[in-house]
PDB file of all heavy atoms in Angstrom:
ATOM      1  N   LYS A   1      12.981 -11.648  -9.800  1.00  0.00           N
ATOM      2  CA  LYS A   1      12.992 -10.596 -10.817  1.00  0.00           C
ATOM      3  C   LYS A   1      11.764  -9.725 -10.623  1.00  0.00           C
ATOM      4  O   LYS A   1      10.727  -9.933 -11.241  1.00  0.00           O
ATOM      5  CB  LYS A   1      13.032 -11.213 -12.211  1.00  0.00           C
ATOM      6  CG  LYS A   1      14.325 -11.942 -12.472  1.00  0.00           C
ATOM      7  CD  LYS A   1      14.357 -12.546 -13.846  1.00  0.00           C
ATOM      8  CE  LYS A   1      15.673 -13.298 -14.016  1.00  0.00           C
ATOM      9  NZ  LYS A   1      15.745 -13.969 -15.284  1.00  0.00           N
ATOM     10  N   ALA A   2      11.924  -8.779  -9.717  1.00  0.00           N
ATOM     11  CA  ALA A   2      10.852  -7.864  -9.366  1.00  0.00           C
ATOM     12  C   ALA A   2      11.501  -6.567  -8.902  1.00  0.00           C
ATOM     13  O   ALA A   2      12.700  -6.540  -8.613  1.00  0.00           O
ATOM     14  CB  ALA A   2       9.996  -8.464  -8.243  1.00  0.00           C
ATOM     15  N   PRO A   3      10.731  -5.486  -8.807  1.00  0.00           N
ATOM     16  CA  PRO A   3      11.302  -4.237  -8.313  1.00  0.00           C
ATOM     17  C   PRO A   3      11.903  -4.409  -6.911  1.00  0.00           C
ATOM     18  O   PRO A   3      11.460  -5.258  -6.133  1.00  0.00           O
ATOM     19  CB  PRO A   3      10.098  -3.290  -8.271  1.00  0.00           C
ATOM     20  CG  PRO A   3       9.120  -3.874  -9.234  1.00  0.00           C
ATOM     21  CD  PRO A   3       9.322  -5.349  -9.173  1.00  0.00           C
ATOM     22  N   LYS A   4      12.890  -3.601  -6.596  1.00  0.00           N
ATOM     23  CA  LYS A   4      13.577  -3.688  -5.295  1.00  0.00           C
ATOM     24  C   LYS A   4      12.609  -3.633  -4.116  1.00  0.00           C
ATOM     25  O   LYS A   4      12.759  -4.412  -3.177  1.00  0.00           O
ATOM     26  CB  LYS A   4      14.633  -2.586  -5.157  1.00  0.00           C
ATOM     27  CG  LYS A   4      15.757  -2.706  -6.146  1.00  0.00           C
ATOM     28  CD  LYS A   4      16.694  -3.819  -5.780  1.00  0.00           C
ATOM     29  CE  LYS A   4      17.869  -3.816  -6.752  1.00  0.00           C
ATOM     30  NZ  LYS A   4      18.556  -5.061  -6.817  1.00  0.00           N
ATOM     31  N   PRO A   5      11.594  -2.763  -4.114  1.00  0.00           N
ATOM     32  CA  PRO A   5      10.671  -2.758  -2.964  1.00  0.00           C
ATOM     33  C   PRO A   5       9.937  -4.099  -2.795  1.00  0.00           C
ATOM     34  O   PRO A   5       9.707  -4.547  -1.674  1.00  0.00           O
ATOM     35  CB  PRO A   5       9.692  -1.628  -3.277  1.00  0.00           C
ATOM     36  CG  PRO A   5      10.426  -0.737  -4.225  1.00  0.00           C
ATOM     37  CD  PRO A   5      11.320  -1.654  -5.031  1.00  0.00           C
ATOM     38  N   VAL A   6       9.595  -4.754  -3.897  1.00  0.00           N
ATOM     39  CA  VAL A   6       8.943  -6.069  -3.831  1.00  0.00           C
ATOM     40  C   VAL A   6       9.924  -7.085  -3.258  1.00  0.00           C
ATOM     41  O   VAL A   6       9.565  -7.888  -2.388  1.00  0.00           O
ATOM     42  CB  VAL A   6       8.418  -6.518  -5.213  1.00  0.00           C
ATOM     43  CG1 VAL A   6       7.879  -7.945  -5.164  1.00  0.00           C
ATOM     44  CG2 VAL A   6       7.366  -5.558  -5.730  1.00  0.00           C
ATOM     45  N   GLN A   7      11.161  -7.035  -3.713  1.00  0.00           N
ATOM     46  CA  GLN A   7      12.181  -7.946  -3.207  1.00  0.00           C
ATOM     47  C   GLN A   7      12.379  -7.773  -1.700  1.00  0.00           C
ATOM     48  O   GLN A   7      12.471  -8.755  -0.963  1.00  0.00           O
ATOM     49  CB  GLN A   7      13.515  -7.710  -3.924  1.00  0.00           C
ATOM     50  CG  GLN A   7      13.502  -8.099  -5.384  1.00  0.00           C
ATOM     51  CD  GLN A   7      14.824  -7.784  -6.050  1.00  0.00           C
ATOM     52  OE1 GLN A   7      15.877  -7.879  -5.444  1.00  0.00           O
ATOM     53  NE2 GLN A   7      14.767  -7.399  -7.313  1.00  0.00           N
ATOM     54  N   ARG A   8      12.460  -6.518  -1.252  1.00  0.00           N
ATOM     55  CA  ARG A   8      12.666  -6.262   0.188  1.00  0.00           C
ATOM     56  C   ARG A   8      11.516  -6.813   1.022  1.00  0.00           C
ATOM     57  O   ARG A   8      11.724  -7.454   2.042  1.00  0.00           O
ATOM     58  CB  ARG A   8      12.844  -4.768   0.441  1.00  0.00           C
ATOM     59  CG  ARG A   8      14.238  -4.264   0.136  1.00  0.00           C
ATOM     60  CD  ARG A   8      14.450  -2.853   0.669  1.00  0.00           C
ATOM     61  NE  ARG A   8      13.650  -1.868  -0.036  1.00  0.00           N
ATOM     62  CZ  ARG A   8      14.006  -1.266  -1.171  1.00  0.00           C
ATOM     63  NH1 ARG A   8      15.157  -1.550  -1.731  1.00  0.00           N
ATOM     64  NH2 ARG A   8      13.209  -0.380  -1.729  1.00  0.00           N
ATOM     65  N   MET A   9      10.285  -6.557   0.584  1.00  0.00           N
ATOM     66  CA  MET A   9       9.132  -7.048   1.348  1.00  0.00           C
ATOM     67  C   MET A   9       9.098  -8.571   1.322  1.00  0.00           C
ATOM     68  O   MET A   9       8.824  -9.206   2.338  1.00  0.00           O
ATOM     69  CB  MET A   9       7.832  -6.465   0.795  1.00  0.00           C
ATOM     70  CG  MET A   9       6.589  -6.936   1.562  1.00  0.00           C
ATOM     71  SD  MET A   9       6.607  -6.563   3.346  1.00  0.00           S
ATOM     72  CE  MET A   9       6.243  -4.812   3.301  1.00  0.00           C
ATOM     73  N   HIS A  10       9.376  -9.161   0.192  1.00  0.00           N
ATOM     74  CA  HIS A  10       9.413 -10.616   0.047  1.00  0.00           C
ATOM     75  C   HIS A  10      10.373 -11.214   1.072  1.00  0.00           C
ATOM     76  O   HIS A  10      10.031 -12.147   1.800  1.00  0.00           O
ATOM     77  CB  HIS A  10       9.834 -10.943  -1.395  1.00  0.00           C
ATOM     78  CG  HIS A  10       9.868 -12.386  -1.732  1.00  0.00           C
ATOM     79  ND1 HIS A  10      11.023 -13.131  -1.654  1.00  0.00           N
ATOM     80  CD2 HIS A  10       8.902 -13.222  -2.175  1.00  0.00           C
ATOM     81  CE1 HIS A  10      10.765 -14.367  -2.038  1.00  0.00           C
ATOM     82  NE2 HIS A  10       9.490 -14.455  -2.359  1.00  0.00           N
ATOM     83  N   ARG A  11      11.588 -10.673   1.153  1.00  0.00           N
ATOM     84  CA  ARG A  11      12.585 -11.163   2.121  1.00  0.00           C
ATOM     85  C   ARG A  11      12.123 -10.943   3.559  1.00  0.00           C
ATOM     86  O   ARG A  11      12.304 -11.807   4.412  1.00  0.00           O
ATOM     87  CB  ARG A  11      13.943 -10.480   1.900  1.00  0.00           C
ATOM     88  CG  ARG A  11      14.713 -11.033   0.734  1.00  0.00           C
ATOM     89  CD  ARG A  11      16.145 -10.518   0.704  1.00  0.00           C
ATOM     90  NE  ARG A  11      16.226  -9.067   0.705  1.00  0.00           N
ATOM     91  CZ  ARG A  11      16.241  -8.304  -0.388  1.00  0.00           C
ATOM     92  NH1 ARG A  11      16.201  -8.862  -1.566  1.00  0.00           N
ATOM     93  NH2 ARG A  11      16.331  -6.993  -0.295  1.00  0.00           N
ATOM     94  N   ALA A  12      11.532  -9.784   3.839  1.00  0.00           N
ATOM     95  CA  ALA A  12      11.079  -9.475   5.198  1.00  0.00           C
ATOM     96  C   ALA A  12       9.974 -10.441   5.642  1.00  0.00           C
ATOM     97  O   ALA A  12       9.968 -10.913   6.788  1.00  0.00           O
ATOM     98  CB  ALA A  12      10.589  -8.027   5.288  1.00  0.00           C
ATOM     99  N   ILE A  13       9.044 -10.737   4.755  1.00  0.00           N
ATOM    100  CA  ILE A  13       7.962 -11.674   5.077  1.00  0.00           C
ATOM    101  C   ILE A  13       8.550 -13.054   5.370  1.00  0.00           C
ATOM    102  O   ILE A  13       8.191 -13.699   6.357  1.00  0.00           O
ATOM    103  CB  ILE A  13       6.924 -11.757   3.930  1.00  0.00           C
ATOM    104  CG1 ILE A  13       6.181 -10.430   3.770  1.00  0.00           C
ATOM    105  CG2 ILE A  13       5.939 -12.900   4.178  1.00  0.00           C
ATOM    106  CD1 ILE A  13       5.374 -10.335   2.476  1.00  0.00           C
ATOM    107  N   MET A  14       9.449 -13.497   4.506  1.00  0.00           N
ATOM    108  CA  MET A  14      10.032 -14.828   4.700  1.00  0.00           C
ATOM    109  C   MET A  14      10.819 -14.922   6.011  1.00  0.00           C
ATOM    110  O   MET A  14      10.734 -15.918   6.715  1.00  0.00           O
ATOM    111  CB  MET A  14      10.898 -15.202   3.507  1.00  0.00           C
ATOM    112  CG  MET A  14      10.055 -15.458   2.262  1.00  0.00           C
ATOM    113  SD  MET A  14      10.993 -16.038   0.865  1.00  0.00           S
ATOM    114  CE  MET A  14      11.499 -17.646   1.415  1.00  0.00           C
ATOM    115  N   ALA A  15      11.561 -13.883   6.339  1.00  0.00           N
ATOM    116  CA  ALA A  15      12.344 -13.897   7.580  1.00  0.00           C
ATOM    117  C   ALA A  15      11.434 -13.933   8.804  1.00  0.00           C
ATOM    118  O   ALA A  15      11.672 -14.696   9.750  1.00  0.00           O
ATOM    119  CB  ALA A  15      13.265 -12.687   7.635  1.00  0.00           C
ATOM    120  N   ALA A  16      10.372 -13.145   8.799  1.00  0.00           N
ATOM    121  CA  ALA A  16       9.447 -13.143   9.933  1.00  0.00           C
ATOM    122  C   ALA A  16       8.720 -14.484  10.037  1.00  0.00           C
ATOM    123  O   ALA A  16       8.493 -14.990  11.137  1.00  0.00           O
ATOM    124  CB  ALA A  16       8.451 -11.994   9.808  1.00  0.00           C
ATOM    125  N   ALA A  17       8.365 -15.069   8.905  1.00  0.00           N
ATOM    126  CA  ALA A  17       7.695 -16.375   8.911  1.00  0.00           C
ATOM    127  C   ALA A  17       8.631 -17.458   9.430  1.00  0.00           C
ATOM    128  O   ALA A  17       8.217 -18.340  10.180  1.00  0.00           O
ATOM    129  CB  ALA A  17       7.182 -16.733   7.520  1.00  0.00           C
ATOM    130  N   ARG A  18       9.898 -17.385   9.053  1.00  0.00           N
ATOM    131  CA  ARG A  18      10.875 -18.369   9.520  1.00  0.00           C
ATOM    132  C   ARG A  18      10.938 -18.376  11.054  1.00  0.00           C
ATOM    133  O   ARG A  18      11.106 -19.400  11.680  1.00  0.00           O
ATOM    134  CB  ARG A  18      12.255 -18.055   8.951  1.00  0.00           C
ATOM    135  CG  ARG A  18      13.346 -19.006   9.446  1.00  0.00           C
ATOM    136  CD  ARG A  18      14.743 -18.439   9.289  1.00  0.00           C
ATOM    137  NE  ARG A  18      14.863 -17.196  10.006  1.00  0.00           N
ATOM    138  CZ  ARG A  18      15.438 -16.099   9.521  1.00  0.00           C
ATOM    139  NH1 ARG A  18      15.936 -16.086   8.317  1.00  0.00           N
ATOM    140  NH2 ARG A  18      15.512 -15.016  10.245  1.00  0.00           N
ATOM    141  N   ASP A  19      10.769 -17.190  11.656  1.00  0.00           N
ATOM    142  CA  ASP A  19      10.831 -17.055  13.106  1.00  0.00           C
ATOM    143  C   ASP A  19       9.463 -17.178  13.778  1.00  0.00           C
ATOM    144  O   ASP A  19       9.368 -17.041  14.995  1.00  0.00           O
ATOM    145  CB  ASP A  19      11.434 -15.693  13.473  1.00  0.00           C
ATOM    146  CG  ASP A  19      12.865 -15.551  13.009  1.00  0.00           C
ATOM    147  OD1 ASP A  19      13.539 -16.583  12.817  1.00  0.00           O
ATOM    148  OD2 ASP A  19      13.319 -14.410  12.835  1.00  0.00           O
ATOM    149  N   CYS A  20       8.405 -17.426  12.991  1.00  0.00           N
ATOM    150  CA  CYS A  20       7.034 -17.410  13.512  1.00  0.00           C
ATOM    151  C   CYS A  20       6.773 -16.126  14.304  1.00  0.00           C
ATOM    152  O   CYS A  20       6.103 -16.132  15.333  1.00  0.00           O
ATOM    153  CB  CYS A  20       6.739 -18.640  14.371  1.00  0.00           C
ATOM    154  SG  CYS A  20       6.391 -20.108  13.394  1.00  0.00           S
ATOM    155  N   ASP A  21       7.286 -15.024  13.799  1.00  0.00           N
ATOM    156  CA  ASP A  21       7.070 -13.724  14.427  1.00  0.00           C
ATOM    157  C   ASP A  21       5.811 -13.127  13.799  1.00  0.00           C
ATOM    158  O   ASP A  21       5.878 -12.298  12.896  1.00  0.00           O
ATOM    159  CB  ASP A  21       8.287 -12.829  14.225  1.00  0.00           C
ATOM    160  CG  ASP A  21       8.209 -11.551  15.045  1.00  0.00           C
ATOM    161  OD1 ASP A  21       7.094 -11.200  15.512  1.00  0.00           O
ATOM    162  OD2 ASP A  21       9.251 -10.903  15.220  1.00  0.00           O
ATOM    163  N   PHE A  22       4.675 -13.585  14.273  1.00  0.00           N
ATOM    164  CA  PHE A  22       3.401 -13.207  13.688  1.00  0.00           C
ATOM    165  C   PHE A  22       3.081 -11.732  13.906  1.00  0.00           C
ATOM    166  O   PHE A  22       2.423 -11.115  13.071  1.00  0.00           O
ATOM    167  CB  PHE A  22       2.284 -14.110  14.211  1.00  0.00           C
ATOM    168  CG  PHE A  22       2.529 -15.552  13.872  1.00  0.00           C
ATOM    169  CD1 PHE A  22       2.763 -16.481  14.861  1.00  0.00           C
ATOM    170  CD2 PHE A  22       2.570 -15.976  12.556  1.00  0.00           C
ATOM    171  CE1 PHE A  22       3.009 -17.807  14.551  1.00  0.00           C
ATOM    172  CE2 PHE A  22       2.822 -17.296  12.222  1.00  0.00           C
ATOM    173  CZ  PHE A  22       3.043 -18.215  13.229  1.00  0.00           C
ATOM    174  N   GLU A  23       3.567 -11.159  15.006  1.00  0.00           N
ATOM    175  CA  GLU A  23       3.373  -9.733  15.232  1.00  0.00           C
ATOM    176  C   GLU A  23       4.133  -8.932  14.166  1.00  0.00           C
ATOM    177  O   GLU A  23       3.625  -7.948  13.635  1.00  0.00           O
ATOM    178  CB  GLU A  23       3.825  -9.329  16.639  1.00  0.00           C
ATOM    179  CG  GLU A  23       2.883  -9.762  17.741  1.00  0.00           C
ATOM    180  CD  GLU A  23       2.933 -11.258  18.056  1.00  0.00           C
ATOM    181  OE1 GLU A  23       3.929 -11.936  17.701  1.00  0.00           O
ATOM    182  OE2 GLU A  23       1.960 -11.755  18.648  1.00  0.00           O
ATOM    183  N   ARG A  24       5.355  -9.343  13.868  1.00  0.00           N
ATOM    184  CA  ARG A  24       6.138  -8.666  12.835  1.00  0.00           C
ATOM    185  C   ARG A  24       5.457  -8.830  11.479  1.00  0.00           C
ATOM    186  O   ARG A  24       5.381  -7.878  10.697  1.00  0.00           O
ATOM    187  CB  ARG A  24       7.570  -9.235  12.782  1.00  0.00           C
ATOM    188  CG  ARG A  24       8.415  -8.681  11.671  1.00  0.00           C
ATOM    189  CD  ARG A  24       8.853  -7.260  11.956  1.00  0.00           C
ATOM    190  NE  ARG A  24       9.710  -6.787  10.886  1.00  0.00           N
ATOM    191  CZ  ARG A  24       9.574  -5.603  10.308  1.00  0.00           C
ATOM    192  NH1 ARG A  24       8.659  -4.760  10.731  1.00  0.00           N
ATOM    193  NH2 ARG A  24      10.368  -5.251   9.344  1.00  0.00           N
ATOM    194  N   LEU A  25       4.953 -10.014  11.177  1.00  0.00           N
ATOM    195  CA  LEU A  25       4.227 -10.212   9.919  1.00  0.00           C
ATOM    196  C   LEU A  25       3.032  -9.261   9.835  1.00  0.00           C
ATOM    197  O   LEU A  25       2.808  -8.634   8.798  1.00  0.00           O
ATOM    198  CB  LEU A  25       3.754 -11.662   9.794  1.00  0.00           C
ATOM    199  CG  LEU A  25       4.807 -12.682   9.379  1.00  0.00           C
ATOM    200  CD1 LEU A  25       4.273 -14.100   9.553  1.00  0.00           C
ATOM    201  CD2 LEU A  25       5.262 -12.448   7.946  1.00  0.00           C
ATOM    202  N   GLU A  26       2.288  -9.150  10.921  1.00  0.00           N
ATOM    203  CA  GLU A  26       1.132  -8.252  10.904  1.00  0.00           C
ATOM    204  C   GLU A  26       1.575  -6.802  10.698  1.00  0.00           C
ATOM    205  O   GLU A  26       0.958  -6.067   9.924  1.00  0.00           O
ATOM    206  CB  GLU A  26       0.322  -8.382  12.190  1.00  0.00           C
ATOM    207  CG  GLU A  26      -0.914  -7.505  12.173  1.00  0.00           C
ATOM    208  CD  GLU A  26      -1.888  -7.802  13.292  1.00  0.00           C
ATOM    209  OE1 GLU A  26      -1.644  -8.694  14.122  1.00  0.00           O
ATOM    210  OE2 GLU A  26      -2.925  -7.107  13.341  1.00  0.00           O
ATOM    211  N   ARG A  27       2.648  -6.380  11.366  1.00  0.00           N
ATOM    212  CA  ARG A  27       3.152  -5.011  11.175  1.00  0.00           C
ATOM    213  C   ARG A  27       3.554  -4.776   9.719  1.00  0.00           C
ATOM    214  O   ARG A  27       3.275  -3.714   9.157  1.00  0.00           O
ATOM    215  CB  ARG A  27       4.336  -4.725  12.100  1.00  0.00           C
ATOM    216  CG  ARG A  27       3.931  -4.428  13.530  1.00  0.00           C
ATOM    217  CD  ARG A  27       5.072  -3.870  14.353  1.00  0.00           C
ATOM    218  NE  ARG A  27       6.272  -4.691  14.350  1.00  0.00           N
ATOM    219  CZ  ARG A  27       6.507  -5.709  15.169  1.00  0.00           C
ATOM    220  NH1 ARG A  27       5.616  -6.052  16.066  1.00  0.00           N
ATOM    221  NH2 ARG A  27       7.649  -6.377  15.091  1.00  0.00           N
ATOM    222  N   LEU A  28       4.211  -5.760   9.108  1.00  0.00           N
ATOM    223  CA  LEU A  28       4.592  -5.630   7.702  1.00  0.00           C
ATOM    224  C   LEU A  28       3.357  -5.421   6.821  1.00  0.00           C
ATOM    225  O   LEU A  28       3.376  -4.620   5.889  1.00  0.00           O
ATOM    226  CB  LEU A  28       5.368  -6.865   7.229  1.00  0.00           C
ATOM    227  CG  LEU A  28       6.782  -7.023   7.760  1.00  0.00           C
ATOM    228  CD1 LEU A  28       7.327  -8.414   7.426  1.00  0.00           C
ATOM    229  CD2 LEU A  28       7.697  -5.941   7.205  1.00  0.00           C
ATOM    230  N   GLY A  29       2.300  -6.150   7.121  1.00  0.00           N
ATOM    231  CA  GLY A  29       1.074  -6.018   6.341  1.00  0.00           C
ATOM    232  C   GLY A  29       0.362  -4.699   6.557  1.00  0.00           C
ATOM    233  O   GLY A  29      -0.245  -4.156   5.636  1.00  0.00           O
ATOM    234  N   ARG A  30       0.462  -4.164   7.742  1.00  0.00           N
ATOM    235  CA  ARG A  30      -0.283  -2.943   8.058  1.00  0.00           C
ATOM    236  C   ARG A  30       0.522  -1.664   7.846  1.00  0.00           C
ATOM    237  O   ARG A  30      -0.025  -0.575   7.957  1.00  0.00           O
ATOM    238  CB  ARG A  30      -0.790  -3.013   9.486  1.00  0.00           C
ATOM    239  CG  ARG A  30      -1.814  -4.127   9.671  1.00  0.00           C
ATOM    240  CD  ARG A  30      -2.524  -4.002  10.995  1.00  0.00           C
ATOM    241  NE  ARG A  30      -3.358  -5.132  11.289  1.00  0.00           N
ATOM    242  CZ  ARG A  30      -4.591  -5.316  10.832  1.00  0.00           C
ATOM    243  NH1 ARG A  30      -5.132  -4.440  10.028  1.00  0.00           N
ATOM    244  NH2 ARG A  30      -5.284  -6.378  11.184  1.00  0.00           N
TER     245      ARG A  30
END
């Protein structure tokens, strides 16, 4: 229960973490 942009980022972080795609995680943060 959060705004759609928060939900999208939340899902994107979890998906990248599931794959240990640390470069993608860093791009999401930056």
